[in-house]
């Protein structure tokens, strides 16, 4: 069984989420990057969002987080 998410993982996901406006969800990579740009996201956040697959639609920040290769709570419990 995987360990619970660390405080650092939760904080990093929360930081990413602060730069994804609700108006950008559901959205694809371009929608998310545009929304984050409108919120003056730092370069590292924009670079992370630009790594997303361009042909995928994301409904939630957790989906975006997972697509970037990170774990969410459900995955940590399995």
N, C-alpha and C. Protein backbone atom coordinates (compact mmCIF):
# COMPACT_ATOMS: atom_id res chain seq x y z
N UNK A 1 0.85 -1.19 0.00
CA UNK A 1 0.00 0.00 0.00
C UNK A 1 0.89 1.25 0.00
N UNK A 2 0.55 2.18 -0.87
CA UNK A 2 1.32 3.43 -0.98
C UNK A 2 1.06 4.29 0.25
N UNK A 3 2.04 5.06 0.67
CA UNK A 3 1.83 5.96 1.81
C UNK A 3 0.89 7.10 1.43
N UNK A 4 0.34 7.71 2.47
CA UNK A 4 -0.50 8.91 2.27
C UNK A 4 0.32 9.97 1.54
N UNK A 5 -0.37 10.90 0.93
CA UNK A 5 0.33 12.03 0.31
C UNK A 5 1.06 12.82 1.37
N UNK A 6 2.21 13.31 1.01
CA UNK A 6 2.97 14.14 1.94
C UNK A 6 2.41 15.55 1.94
N UNK A 7 2.78 16.28 2.96
CA UNK A 7 2.38 17.69 3.03
C UNK A 7 2.90 18.45 1.81
N UNK A 8 4.12 18.14 1.38
CA UNK A 8 4.71 18.82 0.22
C UNK A 8 3.92 18.52 -1.05
N UNK A 9 3.47 17.27 -1.21
CA UNK A 9 2.68 16.92 -2.40
C UNK A 9 1.34 17.66 -2.39
N UNK A 10 0.72 17.73 -1.25
CA UNK A 10 -0.58 18.42 -1.13
C UNK A 10 -0.40 19.91 -1.41
N UNK A 11 0.65 20.49 -0.86
CA UNK A 11 0.92 21.92 -1.09
C UNK A 11 1.22 22.21 -2.56
N UNK A 12 1.98 21.33 -3.21
CA UNK A 12 2.32 21.53 -4.63
C UNK A 12 1.07 21.45 -5.50
N UNK A 13 0.19 20.48 -5.22
CA UNK A 13 -1.06 20.37 -5.98
C UNK A 13 -1.94 21.59 -5.75
N UNK A 14 -2.00 22.04 -4.52
CA UNK A 14 -2.80 23.22 -4.20
C UNK A 14 -2.26 24.46 -4.92
N UNK A 15 -0.94 24.59 -4.94
CA UNK A 15 -0.31 25.72 -5.65
C UNK A 15 -0.68 25.69 -7.12
N UNK A 16 -0.59 24.52 -7.74
CA UNK A 16 -0.97 24.40 -9.15
C UNK A 16 -2.43 24.80 -9.33
N UNK A 17 -3.29 24.31 -8.45
CA UNK A 17 -4.72 24.59 -8.53
C UNK A 17 -5.07 26.06 -8.42
N UNK A 18 -4.26 26.81 -7.69
CA UNK A 18 -4.52 28.26 -7.55
C UNK A 18 -4.42 28.99 -8.89
N UNK A 19 -3.74 28.38 -9.84
CA UNK A 19 -3.55 29.02 -11.14
C UNK A 19 -4.37 28.37 -12.25
N UNK A 20 -5.34 27.54 -11.85
CA UNK A 20 -6.26 26.95 -12.83
C UNK A 20 -7.66 27.48 -12.50
N UNK A 21 -8.11 28.48 -13.23
CA UNK A 21 -9.43 29.05 -12.93
C UNK A 21 -10.55 28.08 -13.27
N UNK A 22 -11.62 28.13 -12.51
CA UNK A 22 -12.77 27.25 -12.77
C UNK A 22 -13.28 27.40 -14.19
N UNK A 23 -13.16 28.60 -14.74
CA UNK A 23 -13.63 28.85 -16.11
C UNK A 23 -12.83 28.05 -17.14
N UNK A 24 -11.65 27.55 -16.76
CA UNK A 24 -10.82 26.77 -17.68
C UNK A 24 -11.14 25.28 -17.63
N UNK A 25 -12.03 24.88 -16.69
CA UNK A 25 -12.39 23.47 -16.55
C UNK A 25 -13.85 23.26 -16.91
N UNK A 26 -14.19 22.23 -17.64
CA UNK A 26 -13.25 21.33 -18.29
C UNK A 26 -12.50 22.07 -19.39
N UNK A 27 -11.28 21.61 -19.61
CA UNK A 27 -10.47 22.25 -20.64
C UNK A 27 -9.28 21.40 -21.04
N UNK A 28 -8.72 21.74 -22.18
CA UNK A 28 -7.53 21.05 -22.65
C UNK A 28 -6.29 21.84 -22.25
N UNK A 29 -5.14 21.39 -22.67
CA UNK A 29 -3.89 22.04 -22.30
C UNK A 29 -3.91 23.53 -22.62
N UNK A 30 -4.35 23.89 -23.82
CA UNK A 30 -4.35 25.30 -24.21
C UNK A 30 -5.26 26.14 -23.32
N UNK A 31 -6.44 25.58 -22.96
CA UNK A 31 -7.36 26.29 -22.06
C UNK A 31 -6.71 26.53 -20.69
N UNK A 32 -6.04 25.50 -20.18
CA UNK A 32 -5.41 25.60 -18.87
C UNK A 32 -4.25 26.58 -18.87
N UNK A 33 -3.44 26.54 -19.91
CA UNK A 33 -2.32 27.48 -20.01
C UNK A 33 -2.84 28.91 -20.14
N UNK A 34 -3.87 29.10 -20.95
CA UNK A 34 -4.45 30.44 -21.11
C UNK A 34 -5.01 30.96 -19.79
N UNK A 35 -5.73 30.12 -19.07
CA UNK A 35 -6.28 30.53 -17.77
C UNK A 35 -5.20 30.86 -16.77
N UNK A 36 -4.16 30.04 -16.73
CA UNK A 36 -3.04 30.28 -15.81
C UNK A 36 -2.30 31.56 -16.19
N UNK A 37 -2.17 31.81 -17.47
CA UNK A 37 -1.51 33.04 -17.92
C UNK A 37 -2.31 34.26 -17.47
N UNK A 38 -3.64 34.17 -17.60
CA UNK A 38 -4.50 35.27 -17.15
C UNK A 38 -4.35 35.55 -15.66
N UNK A 39 -4.02 34.50 -14.88
CA UNK A 39 -3.85 34.65 -13.44
C UNK A 39 -2.39 34.95 -13.06
N UNK A 40 -1.58 35.27 -14.08
CA UNK A 40 -0.16 35.59 -13.85
C UNK A 40 0.59 34.47 -13.14
N UNK A 41 0.35 33.24 -13.60
CA UNK A 41 1.04 32.09 -13.02
C UNK A 41 2.54 32.21 -13.24
N UNK A 42 3.33 31.73 -12.28
CA UNK A 42 4.79 31.76 -12.45
C UNK A 42 5.22 30.81 -13.57
N UNK A 43 6.41 31.06 -14.07
CA UNK A 43 6.92 30.28 -15.21
C UNK A 43 6.93 28.78 -14.95
N UNK A 44 7.26 28.35 -13.73
CA UNK A 44 7.32 26.91 -13.46
C UNK A 44 5.95 26.26 -13.57
N UNK A 45 4.90 26.96 -13.17
CA UNK A 45 3.54 26.43 -13.29
C UNK A 45 3.15 26.35 -14.76
N UNK A 46 3.44 27.39 -15.52
CA UNK A 46 3.13 27.38 -16.95
C UNK A 46 3.88 26.25 -17.65
N UNK A 47 5.13 26.04 -17.29
CA UNK A 47 5.93 24.97 -17.90
C UNK A 47 5.32 23.60 -17.59
N UNK A 48 4.84 23.43 -16.37
CA UNK A 48 4.18 22.17 -16.01
C UNK A 48 2.92 21.95 -16.85
N UNK A 49 2.09 22.98 -16.96
CA UNK A 49 0.86 22.85 -17.74
C UNK A 49 1.16 22.59 -19.21
N UNK A 50 2.22 23.15 -19.72
CA UNK A 50 2.58 22.94 -21.12
C UNK A 50 3.05 21.51 -21.39
N UNK A 51 3.37 20.75 -20.34
CA UNK A 51 3.74 19.34 -20.50
C UNK A 51 2.54 18.43 -20.70
N UNK A 52 1.34 18.94 -20.45
CA UNK A 52 0.14 18.12 -20.58
C UNK A 52 -0.07 17.68 -22.03
N UNK A 53 -0.68 16.51 -22.23
CA UNK A 53 -1.01 16.11 -23.60
C UNK A 53 -1.99 17.11 -24.20
N UNK A 54 -1.78 17.44 -25.46
CA UNK A 54 -2.61 18.50 -26.06
C UNK A 54 -4.00 18.05 -26.45
N UNK A 55 -4.23 16.76 -26.56
CA UNK A 55 -5.53 16.27 -27.06
C UNK A 55 -6.41 15.68 -25.96
N UNK A 56 -6.11 16.01 -24.70
CA UNK A 56 -6.88 15.46 -23.58
C UNK A 56 -7.68 16.56 -22.91
N UNK A 57 -8.89 16.22 -22.47
CA UNK A 57 -9.75 17.16 -21.76
C UNK A 57 -9.68 16.85 -20.27
N UNK A 58 -9.48 17.87 -19.47
CA UNK A 58 -9.36 17.71 -18.02
C UNK A 58 -10.56 18.34 -17.34
N UNK A 59 -11.16 17.58 -16.41
CA UNK A 59 -12.34 18.03 -15.68
C UNK A 59 -11.99 18.68 -14.35
N UNK A 60 -10.89 18.22 -13.72
CA UNK A 60 -10.55 18.68 -12.38
C UNK A 60 -9.04 18.93 -12.25
N UNK A 61 -8.68 19.64 -11.20
CA UNK A 61 -7.26 19.86 -10.90
C UNK A 61 -6.60 18.52 -10.59
N UNK A 62 -7.31 17.62 -9.92
CA UNK A 62 -6.75 16.30 -9.62
C UNK A 62 -6.41 15.53 -10.89
N UNK A 63 -7.24 15.65 -11.92
CA UNK A 63 -6.94 15.01 -13.21
C UNK A 63 -5.69 15.63 -13.84
N UNK A 64 -5.57 16.94 -13.76
CA UNK A 64 -4.38 17.61 -14.29
C UNK A 64 -3.15 17.13 -13.53
N UNK A 65 -3.24 17.09 -12.21
CA UNK A 65 -2.14 16.67 -11.35
C UNK A 65 -1.69 15.25 -11.72
N UNK A 66 -2.65 14.34 -11.88
CA UNK A 66 -2.32 12.96 -12.23
C UNK A 66 -1.68 12.88 -13.62
N UNK A 67 -2.17 13.67 -14.57
CA UNK A 67 -1.62 13.65 -15.92
C UNK A 67 -0.17 14.14 -15.94
N UNK A 68 0.20 14.92 -14.94
CA UNK A 68 1.57 15.41 -14.83
C UNK A 68 2.48 14.40 -14.12
N UNK A 69 1.89 13.24 -13.77
CA UNK A 69 2.68 12.16 -13.18
C UNK A 69 2.70 12.11 -11.67
N UNK A 70 1.79 12.85 -11.04
CA UNK A 70 1.74 12.89 -9.58
C UNK A 70 0.61 12.01 -9.06
N UNK A 71 0.69 11.69 -7.77
CA UNK A 71 -0.34 10.88 -7.12
C UNK A 71 -1.43 11.77 -6.51
N UNK A 72 -2.63 11.21 -6.46
CA UNK A 72 -3.73 11.82 -5.73
C UNK A 72 -4.07 10.90 -4.54
N UNK A 73 -4.94 11.35 -3.66
CA UNK A 73 -5.28 10.56 -2.49
C UNK A 73 -5.77 9.17 -2.83
N UNK A 74 -6.65 9.02 -3.81
CA UNK A 74 -7.18 7.71 -4.15
C UNK A 74 -6.06 6.76 -4.55
N UNK A 75 -5.11 7.24 -5.32
CA UNK A 75 -4.00 6.40 -5.76
C UNK A 75 -3.09 6.06 -4.57
N UNK A 76 -2.99 6.96 -3.61
CA UNK A 76 -2.12 6.72 -2.46
C UNK A 76 -2.70 5.63 -1.56
N UNK A 77 -4.00 5.44 -1.55
CA UNK A 77 -4.64 4.45 -0.70
C UNK A 77 -4.62 3.06 -1.29
N UNK A 78 -4.44 2.95 -2.59
CA UNK A 78 -4.50 1.64 -3.25
C UNK A 78 -3.28 0.82 -2.96
